[in-house]
Amino acid sequence: MFCFMKRKPTLCAAIAAFSIGMGATAGQALAACTAEYKAKRDNPLELFYDVAQVDGPCTRENAQAQLQAALAAQGLTLLKVLSVSEN
């Protein structure tokens, strides 16, 4: 990156911060893990199938732990993690 530091130092700092942030985001997107799962809600019974992004290791155990907590907050019960895959 090339900046004229004498003229616009704050602009150069903002561009540098934005560039670093975009690089981290792009790297995270490449290492993303998705989990395919089934869930339910009772009274009345509703069944759900969905795919969600999971942080951390791309394993069924990690996906199950994260999905159980996230789904419970929505009043859902995780039934099964069908698959996990790295993107």
Protein backbone atom coordinates (compact mmCIF):
# COMPACT_ATOMS: atom_id res chain seq x y z
CA MET A 1 0.00 0.00 0.00
CA PHE A 2 1.28 3.45 -0.89
CA CYS A 3 0.15 6.56 0.99
CA PHE A 4 1.24 10.15 1.02
CA MET A 5 1.71 10.30 4.79
CA LYS A 6 2.43 14.03 4.82
CA ARG A 7 -0.90 14.92 3.25
CA LYS A 8 -3.50 12.56 4.69
CA PRO A 9 -2.17 10.50 7.62
CA THR A 10 -5.63 9.71 9.04
CA LEU A 11 -6.90 8.59 5.64
CA CYS A 12 -3.88 6.31 5.21
CA ALA A 13 -4.41 4.83 8.67
CA ALA A 14 -8.08 4.17 7.89
CA ILE A 15 -7.20 2.50 4.57
CA ALA A 16 -4.59 0.33 6.29
CA ALA A 17 -7.02 -0.73 9.03
CA PHE A 18 -9.72 -1.51 6.46
CA SER A 19 -7.28 -3.54 4.35
CA ILE A 20 -6.15 -5.59 7.34
CA GLY A 21 -9.76 -6.19 8.40
CA MET A 22 -10.76 -7.31 4.91
CA GLY A 23 -7.86 -9.76 4.79
CA ALA A 24 -8.94 -11.36 8.07
CA THR A 25 -12.54 -11.61 6.87
CA ALA A 26 -11.52 -13.24 3.60
CA GLY A 27 -9.34 -15.74 5.43
CA GLN A 28 -12.14 -16.61 7.84
CA ALA A 29 -14.58 -17.08 4.99
CA LEU A 30 -12.26 -19.62 3.38
CA ALA A 31 -11.95 -21.59 6.62
CA ALA A 32 -15.67 -21.55 7.43
CA CYS A 33 -17.42 -24.71 8.52
CA THR A 34 -21.07 -25.46 7.81
CA ALA A 35 -23.23 -27.95 9.66
CA GLU A 36 -26.36 -29.56 8.29
CA TYR A 37 -28.84 -30.38 11.09
CA LYS A 38 -32.37 -31.33 12.11
CA ALA A 39 -34.21 -29.69 15.01
CA LYS A 40 -37.71 -29.61 16.50
CA ARG A 41 -40.06 -27.43 18.52
CA ASP A 42 -42.84 -28.98 20.63
CA ASN A 43 -46.46 -27.88 21.19
CA PRO A 44 -47.31 -27.96 18.34
CA LEU A 45 -44.65 -30.18 16.87
CA GLU A 46 -42.56 -28.44 14.20
CA LEU A 47 -39.60 -30.07 12.45
CA PHE A 48 -36.72 -28.08 10.99
CA TYR A 49 -33.88 -28.83 8.60
CA ASP A 50 -31.22 -26.17 8.08
CA VAL A 51 -27.56 -25.44 7.46
CA ALA A 52 -25.59 -23.15 9.77
CA GLN A 53 -22.07 -21.77 9.93
CA VAL A 54 -20.01 -23.05 12.85
CA ASP A 55 -16.94 -21.43 14.40
CA GLY A 56 -13.90 -23.39 15.52
CA PRO A 57 -12.99 -26.95 14.57
CA CYS A 58 -15.09 -28.46 11.83
CA THR A 59 -16.26 -31.51 13.79
CA ARG A 60 -19.69 -32.94 14.61
CA GLU A 61 -18.99 -32.53 18.33
CA ASN A 62 -18.17 -28.83 18.00
CA ALA A 63 -21.15 -28.24 15.71
CA GLN A 64 -23.44 -30.06 18.14
CA ALA A 65 -22.26 -27.98 21.11
CA GLN A 66 -22.69 -24.68 19.26
CA LEU A 67 -26.01 -25.57 17.66
CA GLN A 68 -27.58 -26.85 20.90
CA ALA A 69 -26.92 -23.53 22.60
CA ALA A 70 -28.02 -21.39 19.65
CA LEU A 71 -31.17 -23.41 18.98
CA ALA A 72 -32.16 -23.56 22.66
CA ALA A 73 -32.18 -19.76 22.69
CA GLN A 74 -34.81 -19.97 19.92
CA GLY A 75 -36.90 -22.59 21.74
CA LEU A 76 -35.68 -25.44 19.54
CA THR A 77 -34.16 -28.81 20.36
CA LEU A 78 -31.33 -30.16 18.23
CA LEU A 79 -32.17 -33.64 17.00
CA LYS A 80 -29.13 -34.52 14.93
CA VAL A 81 -26.12 -33.02 13.18
CA LEU A 82 -26.29 -34.68 9.77
CA SER A 83 -22.95 -33.51 8.38
CA VAL A 84 -20.20 -30.93 8.69
CA SER A 85 -18.08 -29.59 5.85
CA GLU A 86 -15.38 -26.99 5.37
CA ASN A 87 -15.97 -24.40 2.70
